[in-house]
Amino acid sequence: MKKILYIDMDGVIVDFDSGISALNEEERELYKNNYAQCPSIFSRMKPIPQAIDCVHELSEIFDVYILSSPSWGNASAWSDKYEWIEEYIPSMERKLILSSQKHLNRGDYIIDDRLHNGVSQFQGEHIHFGTSDYPDWDSVMRYLKNKAE
């Protein structure tokens, strides 16, 4: 039986800054204090380099789910996240979980760049993406491949 691995979207497999770069000047000014509230911003984001290949590779080793917290107050965030997965990782479309209570999901590992939305209470191991221990996908892959052996 494969161990369960959750992977966050924004800042882990999705480059949030690429969505900000895709905004026009009016949108940037209007949402400058909270870009996540800008309608359709999530649909404009690009993948983080290596992320999609790593998700596919990890899916061979673990039971992988995408676990993301949509931006409350931005209704398009929900559908944008689904459509993003459908476009870039269609094999994961039925393995997408949208929740702001990540600790309610049971599993062995979670890859997330933040401690918010229940990550700090997650019962399994948090692989804190973007930190000195796990600065990039290469470091995450090395660690998880060793754990799988």
N, C-alpha and C. Protein backbone atom coordinates (compact mmCIF):
# COMPACT_ATOMS: atom_id res chain seq x y z
N MET A 1 0.84 -1.18 0.00
CA MET A 1 0.00 0.00 0.00
C MET A 1 0.89 1.25 0.00
N LYS A 2 0.60 2.15 -0.92
CA LYS A 2 1.41 3.37 -1.05
C LYS A 2 1.09 4.35 0.08
N LYS A 3 2.11 5.09 0.50
CA LYS A 3 1.90 6.16 1.47
C LYS A 3 1.22 7.34 0.78
N ILE A 4 0.46 8.10 1.57
CA ILE A 4 -0.30 9.24 1.03
C ILE A 4 0.53 10.51 1.11
N LEU A 5 0.57 11.21 -0.01
CA LEU A 5 1.32 12.46 -0.13
C LEU A 5 0.39 13.54 -0.68
N TYR A 6 0.32 14.66 0.03
CA TYR A 6 -0.44 15.83 -0.44
C TYR A 6 0.55 16.88 -0.93
N ILE A 7 0.18 17.54 -2.03
CA ILE A 7 1.04 18.60 -2.58
C ILE A 7 0.19 19.86 -2.74
N ASP A 8 0.66 20.93 -2.17
CA ASP A 8 0.01 22.24 -2.30
C ASP A 8 0.21 22.77 -3.71
N MET A 9 -0.63 23.71 -4.11
CA MET A 9 -0.50 24.30 -5.44
C MET A 9 0.36 25.57 -5.41
N ASP A 10 -0.18 26.66 -4.86
CA ASP A 10 0.46 27.98 -4.95
C ASP A 10 1.79 28.01 -4.21
N GLY A 11 2.84 28.33 -4.94
CA GLY A 11 4.17 28.40 -4.35
C GLY A 11 4.89 27.06 -4.30
N VAL A 12 4.22 25.99 -4.74
CA VAL A 12 4.84 24.66 -4.72
C VAL A 12 4.86 24.07 -6.14
N ILE A 13 3.70 23.97 -6.77
CA ILE A 13 3.69 23.54 -8.17
C ILE A 13 3.26 24.67 -9.11
N VAL A 14 2.67 25.71 -8.53
CA VAL A 14 2.18 26.85 -9.32
C VAL A 14 2.96 28.10 -8.92
N ASP A 15 3.46 28.82 -9.91
CA ASP A 15 4.21 30.05 -9.69
C ASP A 15 3.23 31.22 -9.54
N PHE A 16 2.92 31.56 -8.29
CA PHE A 16 1.95 32.63 -8.02
C PHE A 16 2.38 33.95 -8.65
N ASP A 17 3.66 34.24 -8.60
CA ASP A 17 4.16 35.51 -9.16
C ASP A 17 3.91 35.62 -10.66
N SER A 18 3.84 34.50 -11.35
CA SER A 18 3.56 34.55 -12.79
C SER A 18 2.14 35.06 -13.04
N GLY A 19 1.24 34.81 -12.12
CA GLY A 19 -0.11 35.35 -12.24
C GLY A 19 -0.15 36.84 -12.03
N ILE A 20 0.65 37.32 -11.08
CA ILE A 20 0.74 38.77 -10.84
C ILE A 20 1.33 39.45 -12.06
N SER A 21 2.36 38.85 -12.64
CA SER A 21 2.99 39.42 -13.84
C SER A 21 2.01 39.50 -15.01
N ALA A 22 1.02 38.62 -15.04
CA ALA A 22 0.06 38.59 -16.14
C ALA A 22 -1.07 39.61 -15.98
N LEU A 23 -1.14 40.26 -14.82
CA LEU A 23 -2.18 41.27 -14.60
C LEU A 23 -1.86 42.54 -15.37
N ASN A 24 -2.90 43.24 -15.79
CA ASN A 24 -2.67 44.54 -16.40
C ASN A 24 -2.47 45.59 -15.29
N GLU A 25 -2.07 46.77 -15.66
CA GLU A 25 -1.76 47.82 -14.66
C GLU A 25 -2.96 48.13 -13.78
N GLU A 26 -4.13 48.20 -14.36
CA GLU A 26 -5.33 48.52 -13.58
C GLU A 26 -5.59 47.44 -12.53
N GLU A 27 -5.47 46.18 -12.92
CA GLU A 27 -5.67 45.08 -11.97
C GLU A 27 -4.60 45.09 -10.88
N ARG A 28 -3.37 45.35 -11.26
CA ARG A 28 -2.28 45.39 -10.26
C ARG A 28 -2.54 46.47 -9.22
N GLU A 29 -2.99 47.61 -9.67
CA GLU A 29 -3.27 48.72 -8.74
C GLU A 29 -4.47 48.40 -7.85
N LEU A 30 -5.53 47.88 -8.44
CA LEU A 30 -6.76 47.60 -7.71
C LEU A 30 -6.56 46.52 -6.64
N TYR A 31 -5.73 45.52 -6.94
CA TYR A 31 -5.55 44.39 -6.02
C TYR A 31 -4.16 44.33 -5.38
N LYS A 32 -3.44 45.46 -5.39
CA LYS A 32 -2.04 45.44 -4.94
C LYS A 32 -1.85 44.96 -3.51
N ASN A 33 -2.83 45.10 -2.66
CA ASN A 33 -2.69 44.64 -1.28
C ASN A 33 -3.18 43.20 -1.09
N ASN A 34 -3.83 42.64 -2.11
CA ASN A 34 -4.31 41.27 -2.01
C ASN A 34 -4.57 40.71 -3.41
N TYR A 35 -3.51 40.32 -4.09
CA TYR A 35 -3.62 39.81 -5.45
C TYR A 35 -4.51 38.57 -5.54
N ALA A 36 -4.56 37.78 -4.49
CA ALA A 36 -5.36 36.55 -4.51
C ALA A 36 -6.85 36.83 -4.69
N GLN A 37 -7.27 38.05 -4.48
CA GLN A 37 -8.68 38.40 -4.66
C GLN A 37 -9.01 38.80 -6.09
N CYS A 38 -8.02 38.94 -6.94
CA CYS A 38 -8.24 39.35 -8.32
C CYS A 38 -8.90 38.21 -9.10
N PRO A 39 -10.08 38.46 -9.67
CA PRO A 39 -10.74 37.41 -10.44
C PRO A 39 -9.84 36.88 -11.56
N SER A 40 -9.81 35.61 -11.71
CA SER A 40 -9.09 34.85 -12.74
C SER A 40 -7.57 34.88 -12.61
N ILE A 41 -7.03 35.41 -11.52
CA ILE A 41 -5.57 35.43 -11.38
C ILE A 41 -4.99 34.02 -11.39
N PHE A 42 -5.69 33.07 -10.78
CA PHE A 42 -5.16 31.71 -10.70
C PHE A 42 -5.10 31.04 -12.06
N SER A 43 -5.96 31.45 -12.98
CA SER A 43 -5.94 30.86 -14.32
C SER A 43 -4.77 31.36 -15.15
N ARG A 44 -4.11 32.40 -14.70
CA ARG A 44 -3.00 33.00 -15.46
C ARG A 44 -1.63 32.50 -15.02
N MET A 45 -1.60 31.68 -14.01
CA MET A 45 -0.33 31.24 -13.43
C MET A 45 0.29 30.10 -14.22
N LYS A 46 1.60 30.04 -14.17
CA LYS A 46 2.39 29.01 -14.86
C LYS A 46 2.97 28.03 -13.83
N PRO A 47 3.35 26.86 -14.28
CA PRO A 47 3.97 25.89 -13.36
C PRO A 47 5.37 26.33 -12.92
N ILE A 48 5.73 25.92 -11.73
CA ILE A 48 7.09 26.08 -11.24
C ILE A 48 7.95 25.06 -12.00
N PRO A 49 9.14 25.46 -12.44
CA PRO A 49 10.00 24.51 -13.17
C PRO A 49 10.17 23.20 -12.40
N GLN A 50 10.12 22.10 -13.10
CA GLN A 50 10.26 20.72 -12.61
C GLN A 50 9.03 20.19 -11.89
N ALA A 51 8.14 21.05 -11.44
CA ALA A 51 7.04 20.61 -10.56
C ALA A 51 6.18 19.53 -11.20
N ILE A 52 5.77 19.73 -12.43
CA ILE A 52 4.85 18.77 -13.05
C ILE A 52 5.53 17.41 -13.25
N ASP A 53 6.76 17.41 -13.70
CA ASP A 53 7.48 16.14 -13.84
C ASP A 53 7.62 15.45 -12.50
N CYS A 54 7.88 16.22 -11.46
CA CYS A 54 8.02 15.64 -10.12
C CYS A 54 6.70 15.07 -9.61
N VAL A 55 5.59 15.74 -9.87
CA VAL A 55 4.28 15.21 -9.47
C VAL A 55 4.05 13.85 -10.15
N HIS A 56 4.35 13.77 -11.43
CA HIS A 56 4.18 12.49 -12.15
C HIS A 56 5.08 11.41 -11.56
N GLU A 57 6.32 11.75 -11.29
CA GLU A 57 7.25 10.77 -10.74
C GLU A 57 6.83 10.33 -9.34
N LEU A 58 6.41 11.29 -8.53
CA LEU A 58 5.97 10.95 -7.17
C LEU A 58 4.71 10.09 -7.18
N SER A 59 3.88 10.27 -8.19
CA SER A 59 2.64 9.48 -8.31
C SER A 59 2.92 8.00 -8.54
N GLU A 60 4.10 7.69 -9.01
CA GLU A 60 4.47 6.29 -9.18
C GLU A 60 4.89 5.66 -7.86
N ILE A 61 5.30 6.49 -6.91
CA ILE A 61 5.82 6.01 -5.63
C ILE A 61 4.79 6.14 -4.50
N PHE A 62 4.01 7.23 -4.54
CA PHE A 62 3.05 7.55 -3.48
C PHE A 62 1.64 7.66 -4.05
N ASP A 63 0.66 7.65 -3.16
CA ASP A 63 -0.71 7.97 -3.51
C ASP A 63 -0.82 9.49 -3.37
N VAL A 64 -0.72 10.21 -4.48
CA VAL A 64 -0.58 11.67 -4.47
C VAL A 64 -1.92 12.36 -4.69
N TYR A 65 -2.14 13.41 -3.89
CA TYR A 65 -3.30 14.29 -4.03
C TYR A 65 -2.81 15.72 -4.05
N ILE A 66 -3.50 16.56 -4.80
CA ILE A 66 -3.24 18.00 -4.78
C ILE A 66 -4.18 18.58 -3.74
N LEU A 67 -3.61 19.26 -2.75
CA LEU A 67 -4.39 19.82 -1.63
C LEU A 67 -4.11 21.32 -1.57
N SER A 68 -5.10 22.10 -1.94
CA SER A 68 -4.91 23.55 -2.06
C SER A 68 -6.03 24.30 -1.35
N SER A 69 -5.70 25.46 -0.84
CA SER A 69 -6.69 26.33 -0.21
C SER A 69 -7.05 27.45 -1.18
N PRO A 70 -8.29 27.45 -1.66
CA PRO A 70 -8.67 28.54 -2.56
C PRO A 70 -8.82 29.84 -1.79
N SER A 71 -8.68 30.92 -2.49
CA SER A 71 -8.79 32.24 -1.87
C SER A 71 -10.26 32.53 -1.57
N TRP A 72 -10.59 32.67 -0.30
CA TRP A 72 -11.96 33.00 0.08
C TRP A 72 -12.27 34.41 -0.39
N GLY A 73 -13.44 34.60 -0.94
CA GLY A 73 -13.82 35.91 -1.44
C GLY A 73 -13.52 36.07 -2.93
N ASN A 74 -12.89 35.08 -3.52
CA ASN A 74 -12.62 35.10 -4.96
C ASN A 74 -13.20 33.81 -5.54
N ALA A 75 -14.44 33.88 -5.97
CA ALA A 75 -15.16 32.69 -6.44
C ALA A 75 -14.45 32.01 -7.60
N SER A 76 -13.77 32.77 -8.45
CA SER A 76 -13.10 32.14 -9.59
C SER A 76 -11.91 31.30 -9.18
N ALA A 77 -11.39 31.52 -7.97
CA ALA A 77 -10.23 30.74 -7.51
C ALA A 77 -10.55 29.24 -7.52
N TRP A 78 -11.76 28.88 -7.16
CA TRP A 78 -12.15 27.47 -7.09
C TRP A 78 -12.09 26.83 -8.48
N SER A 79 -12.75 27.45 -9.42
CA SER A 79 -12.78 26.88 -10.77
C SER A 79 -11.43 27.03 -11.46
N ASP A 80 -10.73 28.14 -11.21
CA ASP A 80 -9.41 28.34 -11.82
C ASP A 80 -8.44 27.25 -11.40
N LYS A 81 -8.48 26.87 -10.13
CA LYS A 81 -7.56 25.84 -9.66
C LYS A 81 -7.87 24.49 -10.33
N TYR A 82 -9.14 24.17 -10.45
CA TYR A 82 -9.53 22.94 -11.14
C TYR A 82 -9.07 22.99 -12.60
N GLU A 83 -9.33 24.10 -13.27
CA GLU A 83 -8.96 24.22 -14.68
C GLU A 83 -7.45 24.20 -14.87
N TRP A 84 -6.71 24.75 -13.91
CA TRP A 84 -5.25 24.71 -13.98
C TRP A 84 -4.77 23.25 -13.94
N ILE A 85 -5.30 22.49 -13.00
CA ILE A 85 -4.94 21.07 -12.90
C ILE A 85 -5.33 20.34 -14.18
N GLU A 86 -6.52 20.62 -14.67
CA GLU A 86 -6.98 19.98 -15.90
C GLU A 86 -6.05 20.28 -17.08
N GLU A 87 -5.52 21.50 -17.13
CA GLU A 87 -4.63 21.87 -18.23
C GLU A 87 -3.22 21.30 -18.08
N TYR A 88 -2.65 21.41 -16.88
CA TYR A 88 -1.24 21.05 -16.70
C TYR A 88 -1.00 19.63 -16.17
N ILE A 89 -1.93 19.11 -15.36
CA ILE A 89 -1.75 17.76 -14.80
C ILE A 89 -3.11 17.04 -14.85
N PRO A 90 -3.63 16.77 -16.03
CA PRO A 90 -4.97 16.20 -16.12
C PRO A 90 -5.14 14.86 -15.39
N SER A 91 -4.06 14.14 -15.21
CA SER A 91 -4.16 12.87 -14.48
C SER A 91 -4.53 13.08 -13.00
N MET A 92 -4.43 14.32 -12.51
CA MET A 92 -4.72 14.62 -11.11
C MET A 92 -6.07 15.28 -10.91
N GLU A 93 -6.87 15.44 -11.96
CA GLU A 93 -8.11 16.21 -11.82
C GLU A 93 -9.07 15.61 -10.80
N ARG A 94 -9.10 14.32 -10.66
CA ARG A 94 -9.98 13.70 -9.66
C ARG A 94 -9.27 13.50 -8.32
N LYS A 95 -8.06 14.02 -8.23
CA LYS A 95 -7.30 13.93 -6.99
C LYS A 95 -7.00 15.32 -6.44
N LEU A 96 -7.83 16.28 -6.84
CA LEU A 96 -7.72 17.66 -6.35
C LEU A 96 -8.66 17.84 -5.17
N ILE A 97 -8.10 18.31 -4.07
CA ILE A 97 -8.88 18.60 -2.87
C ILE A 97 -8.70 20.08 -2.56
N LEU A 98 -9.81 20.81 -2.46
CA LEU A 98 -9.78 22.23 -2.10
C LEU A 98 -10.32 22.38 -0.69
N SER A 99 -9.46 22.87 0.21
CA SER A 99 -9.85 22.98 1.61
C SER A 99 -8.96 23.98 2.33
N SER A 100 -9.54 24.70 3.25
CA SER A 100 -8.73 25.58 4.10
C SER A 100 -8.43 24.91 5.44
N GLN A 101 -8.76 23.64 5.54
CA GLN A 101 -8.52 22.85 6.75
C GLN A 101 -7.68 21.63 6.40
N LYS A 102 -6.45 21.87 6.01
CA LYS A 102 -5.60 20.80 5.51
C LYS A 102 -5.32 19.72 6.54
N HIS A 103 -5.36 20.08 7.81
CA HIS A 103 -5.09 19.11 8.86
C HIS A 103 -6.17 18.03 8.97
N LEU A 104 -7.33 18.23 8.36
CA LEU A 104 -8.38 17.22 8.40
C LEU A 104 -8.11 16.06 7.45
N ASN A 105 -7.18 16.24 6.54
CA ASN A 105 -6.79 15.17 5.62
C ASN A 105 -5.76 14.28 6.31
N ARG A 106 -5.95 13.00 6.19
CA ARG A 106 -5.01 12.04 6.79
C ARG A 106 -4.01 11.62 5.73
N GLY A 107 -2.76 11.58 6.13
CA GLY A 107 -1.73 11.16 5.19
C GLY A 107 -0.38 11.11 5.85
N ASP A 108 0.60 10.74 5.06
CA ASP A 108 1.95 10.58 5.58
C ASP A 108 2.80 11.83 5.41
N TYR A 109 2.61 12.54 4.28
CA TYR A 109 3.43 13.71 3.97
C TYR A 109 2.57 14.80 3.34
N ILE A 110 2.99 16.04 3.57
CA ILE A 110 2.41 17.17 2.87
C ILE A 110 3.55 18.09 2.45
N ILE A 111 3.56 18.46 1.18
CA ILE A 111 4.53 19.43 0.67
C ILE A 111 3.80 20.76 0.57
N ASP A 112 4.22 21.73 1.36
CA ASP A 112 3.56 23.03 1.38
C ASP A 112 4.60 24.09 1.70
N ASP A 113 4.40 25.28 1.15
CA ASP A 113 5.35 26.36 1.38
C ASP A 113 4.98 27.22 2.58
N ARG A 114 3.85 26.91 3.22
CA ARG A 114 3.41 27.70 4.36
C ARG A 114 2.91 26.80 5.48
N LEU A 115 2.65 27.41 6.64
CA LEU A 115 2.10 26.68 7.78
C LEU A 115 0.61 26.95 7.96
N HIS A 116 0.05 27.77 7.12
CA HIS A 116 -1.35 28.21 7.24
C HIS A 116 -2.34 27.13 6.83
N ASN A 117 -3.60 27.42 7.09
CA ASN A 117 -4.72 26.56 6.67
C ASN A 117 -4.59 25.12 7.17
N GLY A 118 -4.13 24.98 8.39
CA GLY A 118 -4.06 23.67 9.02
C GLY A 118 -2.78 22.89 8.79
N VAL A 119 -1.87 23.41 7.99
CA VAL A 119 -0.63 22.66 7.72
C VAL A 119 0.15 22.42 9.02
N SER A 120 0.18 23.41 9.90
CA SER A 120 0.94 23.26 11.15
C SER A 120 0.36 22.18 12.06
N GLN A 121 -0.91 21.80 11.85
CA GLN A 121 -1.53 20.73 12.66
C GLN A 121 -1.64 19.41 11.90
N PHE A 122 -1.11 19.35 10.69
CA PHE A 122 -1.18 18.13 9.89
C PHE A 122 -0.52 16.99 10.66
N GLN A 123 -1.16 15.83 10.70
CA GLN A 123 -0.68 14.70 11.49
C GLN A 123 0.56 14.01 10.91
N GLY A 124 0.76 14.13 9.59
CA GLY A 124 1.93 13.53 8.97
C GLY A 124 3.10 14.49 8.99
N GLU A 125 4.06 14.25 8.13
CA GLU A 125 5.27 15.07 8.07
C GLU A 125 5.11 16.21 7.06
N HIS A 126 5.43 17.40 7.51
CA HIS A 126 5.38 18.58 6.64
C HIS A 126 6.74 18.77 5.98
N ILE A 127 6.76 18.72 4.67
CA ILE A 127 7.97 19.04 3.89
C ILE A 127 7.79 20.49 3.48
N HIS A 128 8.51 21.36 4.17
CA HIS A 128 8.31 22.81 4.04
C HIS A 128 9.06 23.35 2.82
N PHE A 129 8.37 23.37 1.71
CA PHE A 129 8.94 23.78 0.43
C PHE A 129 9.40 25.24 0.47
N GLY A 130 10.57 25.50 -0.12
CA GLY A 130 11.10 26.86 -0.17
C GLY A 130 11.94 27.24 1.03
N THR A 131 12.14 26.33 1.97
CA THR A 131 12.98 26.60 3.13
C THR A 131 14.40 26.10 2.86
N SER A 132 15.29 26.33 3.80
CA SER A 132 16.68 25.90 3.60
C SER A 132 16.79 24.38 3.49
N ASP A 133 15.92 23.62 4.15
CA ASP A 133 15.94 22.16 4.04
C ASP A 133 15.40 21.68 2.70
N TYR A 134 14.40 22.38 2.18
CA TYR A 134 13.75 21.99 0.92
C TYR A 134 13.57 23.21 0.02
N PRO A 135 14.67 23.74 -0.50
CA PRO A 135 14.59 24.98 -1.27
C PRO A 135 13.99 24.82 -2.67
N ASP A 136 13.97 23.57 -3.17
CA ASP A 136 13.53 23.35 -4.55
C ASP A 136 13.05 21.91 -4.72
N TRP A 137 12.61 21.61 -5.92
CA TRP A 137 12.10 20.27 -6.19
C TRP A 137 13.18 19.20 -6.13
N ASP A 138 14.41 19.53 -6.49
CA ASP A 138 15.49 18.53 -6.41
C ASP A 138 15.65 18.01 -4.98
N SER A 139 15.65 18.92 -4.02
CA SER A 139 15.82 18.52 -2.62
C SER A 139 14.62 17.71 -2.11
N VAL A 140 13.43 18.09 -2.53
CA VAL A 140 12.23 17.35 -2.13
C VAL A 140 12.27 15.94 -2.70
N MET A 141 12.64 15.83 -3.96
CA MET A 141 12.68 14.52 -4.60
C MET A 141 13.72 13.61 -3.95
N ARG A 142 14.90 14.14 -3.65
CA ARG A 142 15.92 13.34 -2.98
C ARG A 142 15.38 12.79 -1.66
N TYR A 143 14.77 13.66 -0.89
CA TYR A 143 14.26 13.27 0.43
C TYR A 143 13.17 12.19 0.30
N LEU A 144 12.19 12.44 -0.55
CA LEU A 144 11.07 11.51 -0.66
C LEU A 144 11.47 10.18 -1.29
N LYS A 145 12.40 10.20 -2.21
CA LYS A 145 12.86 8.93 -2.79
C LYS A 145 13.57 8.09 -1.72
N ASN A 146 14.32 8.76 -0.85
CA ASN A 146 14.98 8.04 0.25
C ASN A 146 13.95 7.46 1.22
N LYS A 147 12.89 8.19 1.47
CA LYS A 147 11.84 7.72 2.38
C LYS A 147 11.09 6.53 1.79
N ALA A 148 11.00 6.48 0.48
CA ALA A 148 10.24 5.42 -0.18
C ALA A 148 11.01 4.11 -0.24
N GLU A 149 12.33 4.16 -0.07
CA GLU A 149 13.15 2.94 -0.17
C GLU A 149 13.02 2.05 1.02
